[in-house]
Amino acid sequence: MYAILDIETTGGQYNEEGITEIAIYKFDGHEIVDQFISLVNPEIPIQPFVVKLTGINNAMLRSAPKFYEIAKRVIEITEGCTIVAHNTSFDYRVIKTEFKRLGYEFKKPTLCTVELSKKLIPEQPSYSLGKLVRNLGIPVADRHRASGDAMATVKLFKILLSKDLEKNILKSFIKTEIKAGISPKLLDIVESLPSKTGIYYIHNEKGELIYIGKSKNIKKRVNQHFTGTSSKSKKIQRDVYAVTFEETGSELIALLKESEEIKINKPIYNRSQRKTIFPWALYAEKNEKGYIALKIEKADGRKKEITSFTTHQEGKNALFKITEKYQLCQKINGLYDSQKACFQYNVKQCLGACIEEESSESYNQRVNDFIQNNQFQNQNMVIIDRGRTTTERSAVLIENGIYKGYCFYDLNHQIKNIDILKNIIIPMQNNRDTKTIIQGYIRKNKMLKTVKFNKS
């Protein structure tokens, strides 16, 4: 759990400031589960420049509770939480000072979204909360009021969690839970998971990632690990201490994240997926008669592939569909062994390339149409898919035919403005796996929305 907070103060000398407003959002890494917002009577005057900045004046605070009156609620809502704030050193220092005046030691683990932003969103012109959220296209209400700034920090923290591909934030969170002495039971772990699309992370007792997976139903899939009898399932059951997850809404983003994060984190029980998960590929080459043949072969990095597949049978099934859709020849594509015409010619689905009845120029045009339709070439586009909530969407960015990354967004201007889009995008590696995942997803989801754009 995270307690994401913001406080407004009277201003004044170091360690003599008083709190005028406090907002705390209890955040479980996915959604807000509790909140506390209150004005506070600091019992000292507010500096004039602060009144101008926040709009909070002395008259507004006369009937507000004093800090000792809200202290119990602050302790309750932050119990078992890591404190998160934008410039935590300030907010945490001020709140600790207030508790110290009451004779109570307030001690919590902390995370600073300024420091995290510098690491995960580098090269920003400014890391002030106002400028940062504006550059990320995050909508902010009540700027310079505790509730507005704390909510903006929640939205920023969500982006930072997504951008943390090495899962350092998650790992430190698990280690905090381990120190708290929480003892997991497999049934309890499963019950805490959602029946939604996303990525799940299985941790051992040291907080280390031992397995990363994706599923359209996280709860069901993890339950299969916990009830399975395979060697891998038994090892996971033996070593699991906690399972964290990240909802994606979009299956495409779940597939892309799984592929990327396995390669980065190298979990011990994901050995087979650390390299490529697509060992078979589709290639095009001219035969001795000048016809372009499509062939499924073992992937070879020296040759230019059109797309790739998990198994030989998957590739073969896809090639049958491609051959039928583009009226190609089963014999030329190695799917029908015969000295004469192919089977499709006999049922009027092949135009006779197998017996040179159709010219190679005419036949090759349809093969090239297929290749063109299945490659990004130098395209600039955004693939739009569902998000984690009904009001959110996800976006996958392709620039000059290269996969750049993905993001989630609430407002259309965030993806229509390429500069904002590049700030909120989670950068990802472009490799043959990501290319094949995207191609395969587009192939299966004909109604997927894409937005083309021109580079400035």
Protein backbone atom coordinates (compact mmCIF):
# COMPACT_ATOMS: atom_id res chain seq x y z
CA MET A 1 0.00 0.00 0.00
CA TYR A 2 1.06 3.55 -0.72
CA ALA A 3 -0.08 6.73 1.05
CA ILE A 4 0.21 9.42 -1.61
CA LEU A 5 0.05 12.78 0.09
CA ASP A 6 0.42 16.50 -0.33
CA ILE A 7 0.38 19.22 2.31
CA GLU A 8 0.07 22.98 2.14
CA THR A 9 1.82 25.02 4.85
CA THR A 10 1.91 28.52 6.29
CA GLY A 11 5.41 29.13 4.97
CA GLY A 12 8.02 30.58 7.31
CA GLN A 13 11.30 29.47 8.82
CA TYR A 14 12.58 25.90 8.50
CA ASN A 15 10.78 23.50 10.90
CA GLU A 16 8.50 26.29 12.09
CA GLU A 17 5.93 25.92 9.33
CA GLY A 18 2.40 24.86 10.20
CA ILE A 19 0.14 22.64 8.08
CA THR A 20 -2.87 24.44 6.57
CA GLU A 21 -4.23 21.57 4.43
CA ILE A 22 -3.55 17.87 4.02
CA ALA A 23 -4.68 15.32 1.42
CA ILE A 24 -3.85 11.60 1.56
CA TYR A 25 -4.90 9.01 -1.00
CA LYS A 26 -4.38 5.37 -0.01
CA PHE A 27 -3.35 3.61 -3.22
CA ASP A 28 -2.87 -0.14 -3.67
CA GLY A 29 -0.85 0.20 -6.87
CA HIS A 30 -3.98 0.01 -9.02
CA GLU A 31 -6.71 2.17 -7.50
CA ILE A 32 -7.46 4.51 -4.60
CA VAL A 33 -8.95 2.52 -1.70
CA ASP A 34 -9.28 5.29 0.90
CA GLN A 35 -8.77 9.04 1.19
CA PHE A 36 -8.52 11.80 3.76
CA ILE A 37 -8.68 15.53 2.91
CA SER A 38 -8.90 18.31 5.44
CA LEU A 39 -8.05 21.94 6.11
CA VAL A 40 -5.95 22.33 9.27
CA ASN A 41 -5.78 25.22 11.73
CA PRO A 42 -2.01 25.84 12.08
CA GLU A 43 -2.48 28.25 15.04
CA ILE A 44 0.02 30.62 13.41
CA PRO A 45 -0.51 33.21 10.61
CA ILE A 46 -0.09 32.28 6.95
CA GLN A 47 2.59 34.11 4.96
CA PRO A 48 1.03 36.54 2.42
CA PHE A 49 2.75 34.93 -0.60
CA VAL A 50 1.28 31.53 0.43
CA VAL A 51 -2.24 33.02 0.61
CA LYS A 52 -1.76 34.32 -2.93
CA LEU A 53 -0.43 30.94 -4.15
CA THR A 54 -2.98 28.59 -2.53
CA GLY A 55 -6.00 30.81 -1.92
CA ILE A 56 -6.11 29.54 1.68
CA ASN A 57 -6.36 32.42 4.17
CA ASN A 58 -6.44 32.75 7.96
CA ALA A 59 -10.23 33.26 8.06
CA MET A 60 -10.83 29.93 6.28
CA LEU A 61 -8.88 28.06 8.96
CA ARG A 62 -10.42 29.47 12.15
CA SER A 63 -13.01 26.69 12.40
CA ALA A 64 -10.75 23.98 10.88
CA PRO A 65 -9.51 21.14 13.14
CA LYS A 66 -6.09 21.51 14.71
CA PHE A 67 -3.45 18.92 13.81
CA TYR A 68 -3.82 16.95 17.06
CA GLU A 69 -7.52 16.46 16.18
CA ILE A 70 -6.72 14.76 12.86
CA ALA A 71 -3.50 12.99 13.93
CA LYS A 72 -5.27 9.66 14.70
CA ARG A 73 -6.85 9.59 11.21
CA VAL A 74 -3.46 10.31 9.59
CA ILE A 75 -1.90 7.40 11.51
CA GLU A 76 -4.78 5.06 10.55
CA ILE A 77 -4.76 5.81 6.80
CA THR A 78 -0.95 5.58 6.54
CA GLU A 79 -0.68 2.34 8.55
CA GLY A 80 1.41 -0.25 6.67
CA CYS A 81 2.01 2.21 3.81
CA THR A 82 4.98 3.67 1.99
CA ILE A 83 4.69 7.47 1.92
CA VAL A 84 4.76 8.88 -1.62
CA ALA A 85 4.95 12.60 -2.41
CA HIS A 86 6.37 14.99 -4.97
CA ASN A 87 9.49 16.17 -3.11
CA THR A 88 8.92 13.79 -0.19
CA SER A 89 11.73 15.32 1.87
CA PHE A 90 9.56 18.43 2.41
CA ASP A 91 6.13 16.83 3.07
CA TYR A 92 7.55 14.00 5.19
CA ARG A 93 9.71 16.40 7.23
CA VAL A 94 6.78 18.73 7.98
CA ILE A 95 4.41 15.93 8.98
CA LYS A 96 7.08 14.27 11.16
CA THR A 97 7.66 17.65 12.87
CA GLU A 98 3.94 18.01 13.62
CA PHE A 99 3.86 14.55 15.21
CA LYS A 100 7.07 15.26 17.13
CA ARG A 101 5.33 18.29 18.72
CA LEU A 102 2.71 15.82 19.96
CA GLY A 103 5.40 13.52 21.37
CA TYR A 104 4.88 10.83 18.74
CA GLU A 105 7.50 9.43 16.34
CA PHE A 106 6.04 9.13 12.84
CA LYS A 107 8.32 6.81 10.86
CA LYS A 108 7.55 5.35 7.42
CA PRO A 109 9.38 4.17 4.29
CA THR A 110 9.21 6.86 1.59
CA LEU A 111 9.31 7.29 -2.19
CA CYS A 112 9.84 10.59 -3.98
CA THR A 113 8.16 11.10 -7.36
CA VAL A 114 10.70 13.83 -8.22
CA GLU A 115 13.59 11.35 -7.93
CA LEU A 116 11.63 8.57 -9.64
CA SER A 117 10.68 10.93 -12.48
CA LYS A 118 14.29 11.96 -13.06
CA LYS A 119 15.21 8.30 -13.39
CA LEU A 120 12.19 6.99 -15.36
CA ILE A 121 11.25 10.10 -17.39
CA PRO A 122 14.65 11.64 -18.15
CA GLU A 123 15.44 14.86 -20.03
CA GLN A 124 12.36 16.80 -18.92
CA PRO A 125 12.82 20.59 -18.93
CA SER A 126 11.44 20.78 -15.37
CA TYR A 127 10.48 18.34 -12.62
CA SER A 128 8.16 20.70 -10.77
CA LEU A 129 4.77 19.02 -10.38
CA GLY A 130 2.91 21.60 -12.48
CA LYS A 131 5.25 21.51 -15.48
CA LEU A 132 5.77 17.75 -15.32
CA VAL A 133 2.08 16.85 -15.36
CA ARG A 134 1.48 19.39 -18.14
CA ASN A 135 4.20 17.79 -20.28
CA LEU A 136 2.65 14.37 -19.59
CA GLY A 137 -0.85 15.56 -20.48
CA ILE A 138 -2.18 14.79 -16.98
CA PRO A 139 -5.28 16.87 -16.18
CA VAL A 140 -5.01 18.76 -12.86
CA ALA A 141 -7.79 20.42 -10.88
CA ASP A 142 -7.20 22.68 -7.85
CA ARG A 143 -3.50 23.26 -8.49
CA HIS A 144 -1.63 24.35 -5.32
CA ARG A 145 -4.36 22.83 -3.17
CA ALA A 146 -3.53 19.62 -1.30
CA SER A 147 -6.27 17.46 -2.90
CA GLY A 148 -5.48 18.60 -6.47
CA ASP A 149 -1.73 18.18 -6.11
CA ALA A 150 -2.06 14.81 -4.33
CA MET A 151 -4.37 13.51 -7.10
CA ALA A 152 -1.92 14.72 -9.76
CA THR A 153 0.81 12.83 -7.86
CA VAL A 154 -1.37 9.66 -7.91
CA LYS A 155 -1.69 9.92 -11.70
CA LEU A 156 2.04 10.60 -12.07
CA PHE A 157 2.87 7.64 -9.81
CA LYS A 158 0.72 5.34 -11.99
CA ILE A 159 2.79 6.36 -15.02
CA LEU A 160 6.03 5.81 -13.07
CA LEU A 161 4.92 2.31 -12.01
CA SER A 162 4.28 1.48 -15.69
CA LYS A 163 7.66 2.88 -16.77
CA ASP A 164 9.56 0.90 -14.10
CA LEU A 165 10.32 -2.09 -16.34
CA GLU A 166 12.92 -3.45 -13.91
CA LYS A 167 10.21 -3.48 -11.20
CA ASN A 168 12.43 -1.84 -8.58
CA ILE A 169 9.42 -0.09 -7.01
CA LEU A 170 7.51 -3.38 -6.77
CA LYS A 171 10.50 -5.27 -5.37
CA SER A 172 11.07 -2.70 -2.63
CA PHE A 173 7.35 -2.86 -1.81
CA ILE A 174 7.51 -6.66 -1.43
CA LYS A 175 10.60 -6.37 0.78
CA THR A 176 8.67 -3.95 3.01
CA GLU A 177 5.87 -6.52 3.33
CA ILE A 178 8.41 -9.23 4.19
CA LYS A 179 9.80 -7.05 7.00
CA ALA A 180 6.25 -6.63 8.27
CA GLY A 181 6.13 -10.41 8.70
CA ILE A 182 3.15 -11.12 6.43
CA SER A 183 2.87 -14.87 5.92
CA PRO A 184 1.18 -15.77 2.62
CA LYS A 185 -1.20 -18.65 1.90
CA LEU A 186 -1.71 -19.68 -1.71
CA LEU A 187 -5.51 -19.39 -1.43
CA ASP A 188 -5.25 -15.89 0.07
CA ILE A 189 -2.90 -14.82 -2.73
CA VAL A 190 -5.31 -16.06 -5.42
CA GLU A 191 -8.29 -14.38 -3.76
CA SER A 192 -6.50 -11.01 -3.82
CA LEU A 193 -6.01 -11.13 -7.62
CA PRO A 194 -8.40 -9.71 -10.24
CA SER A 195 -10.13 -11.71 -12.99
CA LYS A 196 -8.86 -9.19 -15.54
CA THR A 197 -6.33 -8.89 -18.37
CA GLY A 198 -2.78 -8.01 -17.42
CA ILE A 199 0.65 -9.09 -16.20
CA TYR A 200 1.37 -10.94 -12.97
CA TYR A 201 4.67 -11.14 -11.10
CA ILE A 202 5.53 -14.05 -8.78
CA HIS A 203 8.06 -13.17 -6.05
CA ASN A 204 10.07 -15.36 -3.68
CA GLU A 205 10.77 -14.61 -0.01
CA LYS A 206 13.62 -12.25 -0.91
CA GLY A 207 11.28 -10.18 -3.06
CA GLU A 208 12.98 -11.41 -6.25
CA LEU A 209 10.95 -12.05 -9.39
CA ILE A 210 10.87 -15.78 -10.14
CA TYR A 211 8.16 -15.78 -12.83
CA ILE A 212 6.38 -13.26 -15.06
CA GLY A 213 3.24 -14.16 -16.99
CA LYS A 214 0.31 -12.58 -18.81
CA SER A 215 -3.31 -13.61 -18.94
CA LYS A 216 -6.78 -12.42 -19.93
CA ASN A 217 -7.80 -13.66 -16.46
CA ILE A 218 -4.98 -13.16 -13.94
CA LYS A 219 -6.73 -14.92 -11.05
CA LYS A 220 -7.53 -18.03 -13.12
CA ARG A 221 -4.01 -18.29 -14.53
CA VAL A 222 -2.23 -17.93 -11.17
CA ASN A 223 -4.62 -20.51 -9.69
CA GLN A 224 -3.51 -22.89 -12.46
CA HIS A 225 0.12 -22.38 -11.37
CA PHE A 226 -0.86 -23.10 -7.75
CA THR A 227 -2.85 -26.26 -8.56
CA GLY A 228 -0.70 -27.58 -11.42
CA THR A 229 1.34 -30.77 -11.16
CA SER A 230 4.09 -29.95 -13.68
CA SER A 231 7.68 -29.54 -12.51
CA LYS A 232 7.52 -25.76 -13.02
CA SER A 233 4.21 -25.43 -11.14
CA LYS A 234 5.57 -27.37 -8.17
CA LYS A 235 8.68 -25.15 -8.03
CA ILE A 236 6.50 -22.00 -8.13
CA GLN A 237 4.26 -23.41 -5.36
CA ARG A 238 7.35 -24.12 -3.25
CA ASP A 239 9.03 -20.73 -3.73
CA VAL A 240 6.16 -18.21 -4.02
CA TYR A 241 5.89 -15.57 -1.32
CA ALA A 242 3.77 -12.92 -3.04
CA VAL A 243 2.11 -12.19 -6.37
CA THR A 244 1.78 -8.64 -7.65
CA PHE A 245 0.04 -7.67 -10.85
CA GLU A 246 -0.55 -4.87 -13.32
CA GLU A 247 -3.82 -4.60 -15.20
CA THR A 248 -3.45 -3.62 -18.84
CA GLY A 249 -6.99 -3.96 -20.22
CA SER A 250 -5.39 -4.53 -23.62
CA GLU A 251 -4.17 -8.04 -24.39
CA LEU A 252 -1.68 -6.54 -26.88
CA ILE A 253 0.04 -4.53 -24.15
CA ALA A 254 0.05 -7.56 -21.85
CA LEU A 255 1.81 -9.59 -24.58
CA LEU A 256 4.35 -6.82 -25.25
CA LYS A 257 5.08 -6.21 -21.55
CA GLU A 258 5.50 -9.91 -20.84
CA SER A 259 8.01 -10.31 -23.68
CA GLU A 260 10.00 -7.21 -22.68
CA GLU A 261 10.03 -7.69 -18.91
CA ILE A 262 11.07 -11.34 -19.08
CA LYS A 263 14.11 -10.31 -21.14
CA ILE A 264 14.97 -7.50 -18.69
CA ASN A 265 14.36 -9.29 -15.37
CA LYS A 266 15.29 -12.87 -16.44
CA PRO A 267 13.06 -14.68 -13.89
CA ILE A 268 14.40 -18.14 -13.05
CA TYR A 269 11.25 -19.98 -14.16
CA ASN A 270 10.88 -18.14 -17.50
CA ARG A 271 13.97 -19.73 -19.04
CA SER A 272 12.27 -20.66 -22.33
CA GLN A 273 11.15 -17.07 -22.97
CA ARG A 274 14.34 -15.17 -22.13
CA LYS A 275 15.44 -15.15 -25.75
CA THR A 276 12.91 -15.33 -28.55
CA ILE A 277 9.47 -16.87 -28.21
CA PHE A 278 9.07 -17.16 -31.99
CA PRO A 279 11.57 -19.73 -33.34
CA TRP A 280 9.77 -20.20 -36.71
CA ALA A 281 9.51 -17.54 -39.40
CA LEU A 282 7.85 -16.87 -42.75
CA TYR A 283 10.21 -16.01 -45.61
CA ALA A 284 9.69 -15.06 -49.26
CA GLU A 285 12.02 -16.15 -52.06
CA LYS A 286 11.72 -16.56 -55.82
CA ASN A 287 11.73 -20.10 -57.19
CA GLU A 288 13.49 -21.15 -60.40
CA LYS A 289 10.46 -20.15 -62.48
CA GLY A 290 10.27 -16.59 -61.07
CA TYR A 291 7.32 -17.08 -58.70
CA ILE A 292 7.68 -15.77 -55.12
CA ALA A 293 7.27 -18.70 -52.72
CA LEU A 294 6.28 -18.23 -49.07
CA LYS A 295 7.98 -20.76 -46.76
CA ILE A 296 7.90 -21.56 -43.05
CA GLU A 297 11.45 -22.19 -41.84
CA LYS A 298 13.53 -22.08 -38.67
CA ALA A 299 14.18 -18.43 -37.83
CA ASP A 300 17.48 -17.18 -39.26
CA GLY A 301 18.68 -13.74 -38.20
CA ARG A 302 20.63 -13.37 -41.46
CA LYS A 303 17.43 -13.47 -43.55
CA LYS A 304 14.62 -10.91 -43.72
CA GLU A 305 11.46 -12.44 -42.29
CA ILE A 306 7.89 -11.31 -42.95
CA THR A 307 6.54 -12.52 -39.60
CA SER A 308 7.27 -15.33 -37.14
CA PHE A 309 5.49 -17.99 -35.07
CA THR A 310 5.71 -19.92 -31.82
CA THR A 311 5.47 -23.35 -33.48
CA HIS A 312 5.89 -24.81 -36.97
CA GLN A 313 2.23 -25.89 -36.96
CA GLU A 314 1.05 -22.37 -36.10
CA GLY A 315 3.04 -21.04 -39.06
CA LYS A 316 1.71 -23.74 -41.37
CA ASN A 317 -1.90 -22.99 -40.36
CA ALA A 318 -1.33 -19.27 -40.98
CA LEU A 319 0.23 -19.98 -44.38
CA PHE A 320 -2.83 -22.03 -45.44
CA LYS A 321 -5.07 -19.03 -44.58
CA ILE A 322 -2.75 -16.57 -46.37
CA THR A 323 -2.65 -18.80 -49.46
CA GLU A 324 -6.43 -18.99 -49.56
CA LYS A 325 -7.05 -15.28 -48.86
CA TYR A 326 -4.66 -14.03 -51.57
CA GLN A 327 -5.46 -16.82 -54.07
CA LEU A 328 -1.90 -18.09 -53.95
CA CYS A 329 -0.68 -21.57 -54.83
CA GLN A 330 -0.35 -24.34 -52.22
CA LYS A 331 2.20 -26.12 -54.37
CA ILE A 332 4.48 -23.07 -54.74
CA ASN A 333 4.19 -22.42 -50.98
CA GLY A 334 5.20 -26.02 -50.15
CA LEU A 335 1.79 -26.98 -48.74
CA TYR A 336 0.84 -29.48 -51.49
CA ASP A 337 3.24 -32.01 -52.98
CA SER A 338 2.39 -32.88 -56.55
CA GLN A 339 3.97 -33.12 -59.99
CA LYS A 340 0.80 -31.62 -61.49
CA ALA A 341 -1.51 -28.76 -60.52
CA CYS A 342 -2.23 -28.08 -56.84
CA PHE A 343 -5.50 -29.06 -55.19
CA GLN A 344 -6.75 -25.45 -55.10
CA TYR A 345 -6.45 -25.23 -58.89
CA ASN A 346 -8.86 -28.16 -59.19
CA VAL A 347 -11.47 -26.33 -57.07
CA LYS A 348 -10.92 -23.02 -58.94
CA GLN A 349 -9.15 -21.26 -56.00
CA CYS A 350 -5.70 -21.14 -57.62
CA LEU A 351 -5.25 -19.23 -60.87
CA GLY A 352 -2.77 -21.77 -62.25
CA ALA A 353 0.67 -20.51 -61.21
CA CYS A 354 1.57 -24.11 -60.31
CA ILE A 355 1.34 -25.10 -64.00
CA GLU A 356 2.48 -21.68 -65.32
CA GLU A 357 -1.03 -20.85 -66.50
CA GLU A 358 -0.80 -17.55 -64.58
CA SER A 359 2.17 -15.26 -65.20
CA SER A 360 4.74 -14.76 -62.46
CA GLU A 361 4.18 -10.97 -62.64
CA SER A 362 0.45 -11.30 -61.90
CA TYR A 363 1.03 -13.90 -59.15
CA ASN A 364 3.88 -11.98 -57.49
CA GLN A 365 1.74 -8.84 -57.31
CA ARG A 366 -0.63 -10.62 -54.89
CA VAL A 367 2.29 -11.98 -52.86
CA ASN A 368 3.70 -8.45 -52.58
CA ASP A 369 0.25 -7.15 -51.56
CA PHE A 370 0.29 -9.65 -48.68
CA ILE A 371 3.85 -8.64 -47.66
CA GLN A 372 2.95 -4.94 -47.84
CA ASN A 373 -0.14 -5.49 -45.64
CA ASN A 374 1.89 -7.36 -43.02
CA GLN A 375 4.80 -5.00 -42.58
CA PHE A 376 4.93 -1.59 -40.96
CA GLN A 377 7.50 -0.44 -43.56
CA ASN A 378 8.12 3.24 -42.76
CA GLN A 379 4.71 3.85 -41.23
CA ASN A 380 4.00 6.30 -38.41
CA MET A 381 0.93 5.19 -36.51
CA VAL A 382 -0.70 4.72 -33.12
CA ILE A 383 -2.65 1.52 -32.43
CA ILE A 384 -5.60 2.27 -30.13
CA ASP A 385 -6.98 -0.46 -27.84
CA ARG A 386 -8.95 -0.76 -24.62
CA GLY A 387 -7.50 0.57 -21.36
CA ARG A 388 -7.68 -0.48 -17.72
CA THR A 389 -10.98 1.36 -17.08
CA THR A 390 -14.00 2.31 -19.19
CA THR A 391 -12.75 5.91 -19.52
CA GLU A 392 -9.17 4.98 -20.43
CA ARG A 393 -7.57 3.80 -23.68
CA SER A 394 -4.18 2.32 -24.49
CA ALA A 395 -1.89 3.34 -27.34
CA VAL A 396 1.02 1.57 -29.05
CA LEU A 397 3.37 3.87 -30.99
CA ILE A 398 5.00 2.84 -34.28
CA GLU A 399 7.44 5.43 -35.67
CA ASN A 400 9.18 4.94 -39.04
CA GLY A 401 8.04 1.32 -38.89
CA ILE A 402 9.72 0.81 -35.48
CA TYR A 403 7.84 -0.07 -32.29
CA LYS A 404 8.59 2.67 -29.75
CA GLY A 405 6.43 1.71 -26.77
CA TYR A 406 2.97 2.02 -25.26
CA CYS A 407 0.98 4.19 -22.88
CA PHE A 408 -2.43 4.64 -21.29
CA TYR A 409 -4.35 7.87 -21.76
CA ASP A 410 -7.63 9.53 -20.72
CA LEU A 411 -7.75 12.50 -23.06
CA ASN A 412 -7.55 12.51 -26.87
CA HIS A 413 -5.08 15.41 -26.95
CA GLN A 414 -2.54 13.15 -25.24
CA ILE A 415 -2.19 10.99 -28.35
CA LYS A 416 -2.91 13.66 -30.96
CA ASN A 417 0.01 15.76 -29.66
CA ILE A 418 3.10 13.73 -30.58
CA ASP A 419 5.29 15.60 -28.04
CA ILE A 420 2.97 14.71 -25.13
CA LEU A 421 2.64 11.16 -26.48
CA LYS A 422 6.42 10.68 -26.43
CA ASN A 423 6.56 11.89 -22.81
CA ILE A 424 3.93 9.47 -21.51
CA ILE A 425 5.03 6.52 -23.67
CA ILE A 426 6.78 3.66 -21.86
CA PRO A 427 9.84 3.11 -24.11
CA MET A 428 10.24 -0.51 -25.24
CA GLN A 429 12.72 -2.49 -27.30
CA ASN A 430 11.97 -3.05 -30.97
CA ASN A 431 12.83 -6.64 -31.87
CA ARG A 432 11.46 -9.55 -33.89
CA ASP A 433 9.28 -10.67 -30.96
CA THR A 434 7.55 -7.31 -30.56
CA LYS A 435 7.11 -6.99 -34.32
CA THR A 436 5.50 -10.45 -34.51
CA ILE A 437 3.28 -9.83 -31.46
CA ILE A 438 1.92 -6.63 -33.01
CA GLN A 439 1.48 -8.18 -36.47
CA GLY A 440 -0.30 -11.20 -35.01
CA TYR A 441 -2.60 -9.05 -32.87
CA ILE A 442 -3.56 -6.83 -35.81
CA ARG A 443 -4.19 -9.96 -37.90
CA LYS A 444 -6.57 -11.39 -35.28
CA ASN A 445 -8.32 -8.11 -34.41
CA LYS A 446 -9.64 -6.68 -37.67
CA MET A 447 -11.62 -3.90 -35.91
CA LEU A 448 -8.56 -2.47 -34.15
CA LYS A 449 -8.37 1.33 -34.51
CA THR A 450 -5.18 2.90 -35.84
CA VAL A 451 -4.29 6.60 -36.16
CA LYS A 452 -1.73 7.56 -38.83
CA PHE A 453 0.39 10.67 -38.36
CA ASN A 454 3.10 12.54 -40.24
CA LYS A 455 6.40 13.28 -38.55
CA SER A 456 7.08 16.99 -38.13
